[in-house]
């Protein structure tokens, strides 16, 4: 993949952009964790849950489509 296609941003900005584009919390979570292992998703949940105004437990439930 060419470097011109790669874009990097911080987690808070990524969430803000997703919300501005009408994504739901569940869609954001699934986009962020789509190919992650459970352990990696849990690490991300600890960082992202406060930014999404949800608990880590709810983050993991939404990831698995349980909520």
C-alpha atoms as a PDB file:
ATOM      1  CA  UNK A   1       0.000   0.000   0.000  1.00  0.00           C
ATOM      2  CA  UNK A   2       1.290   3.424  -0.884  1.00  0.00           C
ATOM      3  CA  UNK A   3       2.026   5.862   1.935  1.00  0.00           C
ATOM      4  CA  UNK A   4      -0.270   8.367   0.245  1.00  0.00           C
ATOM      5  CA  UNK A   5      -3.221   6.193   1.305  1.00  0.00           C
ATOM      6  CA  UNK A   6      -2.218   5.953   4.947  1.00  0.00           C
ATOM      7  CA  UNK A   7      -3.721   8.421   7.380  1.00  0.00           C
ATOM      8  CA  UNK A   8      -3.044   8.590  11.090  1.00  0.00           C
ATOM      9  CA  UNK A   9      -4.993  10.420  13.766  1.00  0.00           C
ATOM     10  CA  UNK A  10      -5.614  10.178  17.478  1.00  0.00           C
ATOM     11  CA  UNK A  11      -8.515   8.173  18.851  1.00  0.00           C
ATOM     12  CA  UNK A  12     -10.556  11.174  19.998  1.00  0.00           C
ATOM     13  CA  UNK A  13     -10.405  12.761  16.553  1.00  0.00           C
ATOM     14  CA  UNK A  14     -11.347   9.502  14.850  1.00  0.00           C
ATOM     15  CA  UNK A  15     -14.411   9.208  17.095  1.00  0.00           C
ATOM     16  CA  UNK A  16     -15.378  12.843  16.486  1.00  0.00           C
ATOM     17  CA  UNK A  17     -15.125  12.377  12.725  1.00  0.00           C
ATOM     18  CA  UNK A  18     -17.195   9.202  12.870  1.00  0.00           C
ATOM     19  CA  UNK A  19     -19.917  10.901  14.926  1.00  0.00           C
ATOM     20  CA  UNK A  20     -19.891  13.911  12.581  1.00  0.00           C
ATOM     21  CA  UNK A  21     -20.544  11.501   9.715  1.00  0.00           C
ATOM     22  CA  UNK A  22     -23.567   9.995  11.465  1.00  0.00           C
ATOM     23  CA  UNK A  23     -22.078   6.722  12.698  1.00  0.00           C
ATOM     24  CA  UNK A  24     -23.688   5.157  15.743  1.00  0.00           C
ATOM     25  CA  UNK A  25     -21.644   4.134  18.767  1.00  0.00           C
ATOM     26  CA  UNK A  26     -21.942   0.468  17.763  1.00  0.00           C
ATOM     27  CA  UNK A  27     -20.771   1.217  14.218  1.00  0.00           C
ATOM     28  CA  UNK A  28     -17.782   3.156  15.544  1.00  0.00           C
ATOM     29  CA  UNK A  29     -16.831   0.331  17.900  1.00  0.00           C
ATOM     30  CA  UNK A  30     -17.099  -2.296  15.181  1.00  0.00           C
ATOM     31  CA  UNK A  31     -15.061  -0.174  12.777  1.00  0.00           C
ATOM     32  CA  UNK A  32     -12.330   0.308  15.382  1.00  0.00           C
ATOM     33  CA  UNK A  33     -12.168  -3.323  16.499  1.00  0.00           C
ATOM     34  CA  UNK A  34     -13.150  -5.240  13.380  1.00  0.00           C
ATOM     35  CA  UNK A  35     -10.075  -7.426  13.110  1.00  0.00           C
ATOM     36  CA  UNK A  36      -8.730  -7.223  16.661  1.00  0.00           C
ATOM     37  CA  UNK A  37      -8.312 -10.046  19.102  1.00  0.00           C
ATOM     38  CA  UNK A  38     -10.347  -9.902  22.301  1.00  0.00           C
ATOM     39  CA  UNK A  39      -7.295  -8.806  24.301  1.00  0.00           C
ATOM     40  CA  UNK A  40      -6.461  -5.991  21.876  1.00  0.00           C
ATOM     41  CA  UNK A  41     -10.093  -4.864  21.772  1.00  0.00           C
ATOM     42  CA  UNK A  42     -10.151  -4.749  25.568  1.00  0.00           C
ATOM     43  CA  UNK A  43      -7.068  -2.512  25.594  1.00  0.00           C
ATOM     44  CA  UNK A  44      -8.746  -0.201  23.093  1.00  0.00           C
ATOM     45  CA  UNK A  45     -11.993  -0.295  25.078  1.00  0.00           C
ATOM     46  CA  UNK A  46     -10.204   1.065  28.120  1.00  0.00           C
ATOM     47  CA  UNK A  47      -9.052   4.064  26.066  1.00  0.00           C
ATOM     48  CA  UNK A  48     -12.123   4.607  23.886  1.00  0.00           C
ATOM     49  CA  UNK A  49     -15.035   3.914  26.248  1.00  0.00           C
ATOM     50  CA  UNK A  50     -14.696   7.226  28.130  1.00  0.00           C
ATOM     51  CA  UNK A  51     -14.564   9.082  24.803  1.00  0.00           C
ATOM     52  CA  UNK A  52     -17.806   7.373  23.781  1.00  0.00           C
ATOM     53  CA  UNK A  53     -19.453   7.995  27.176  1.00  0.00           C
ATOM     54  CA  UNK A  54     -19.975   4.286  27.818  1.00  0.00           C
ATOM     55  CA  UNK A  55     -18.451   1.683  30.123  1.00  0.00           C
ATOM     56  CA  UNK A  56     -15.762  -0.765  29.048  1.00  0.00           C
ATOM     57  CA  UNK A  57     -18.287  -3.559  29.565  1.00  0.00           C
ATOM     58  CA  UNK A  58     -20.785  -1.869  27.225  1.00  0.00           C
ATOM     59  CA  UNK A  59     -18.014  -1.321  24.660  1.00  0.00           C
ATOM     60  CA  UNK A  60     -17.240  -5.034  24.636  1.00  0.00           C
ATOM     61  CA  UNK A  61     -20.926  -5.956  24.447  1.00  0.00           C
ATOM     62  CA  UNK A  62     -21.483  -3.637  21.494  1.00  0.00           C
ATOM     63  CA  UNK A  63     -18.422  -5.126  19.830  1.00  0.00           C
ATOM     64  CA  UNK A  64     -20.065  -8.536  20.006  1.00  0.00           C
ATOM     65  CA  UNK A  65     -23.516  -7.164  19.100  1.00  0.00           C
ATOM     66  CA  UNK A  66     -24.916  -8.139  22.522  1.00  0.00           C
ATOM     67  CA  UNK A  67     -26.429  -4.787  23.461  1.00  0.00           C
END
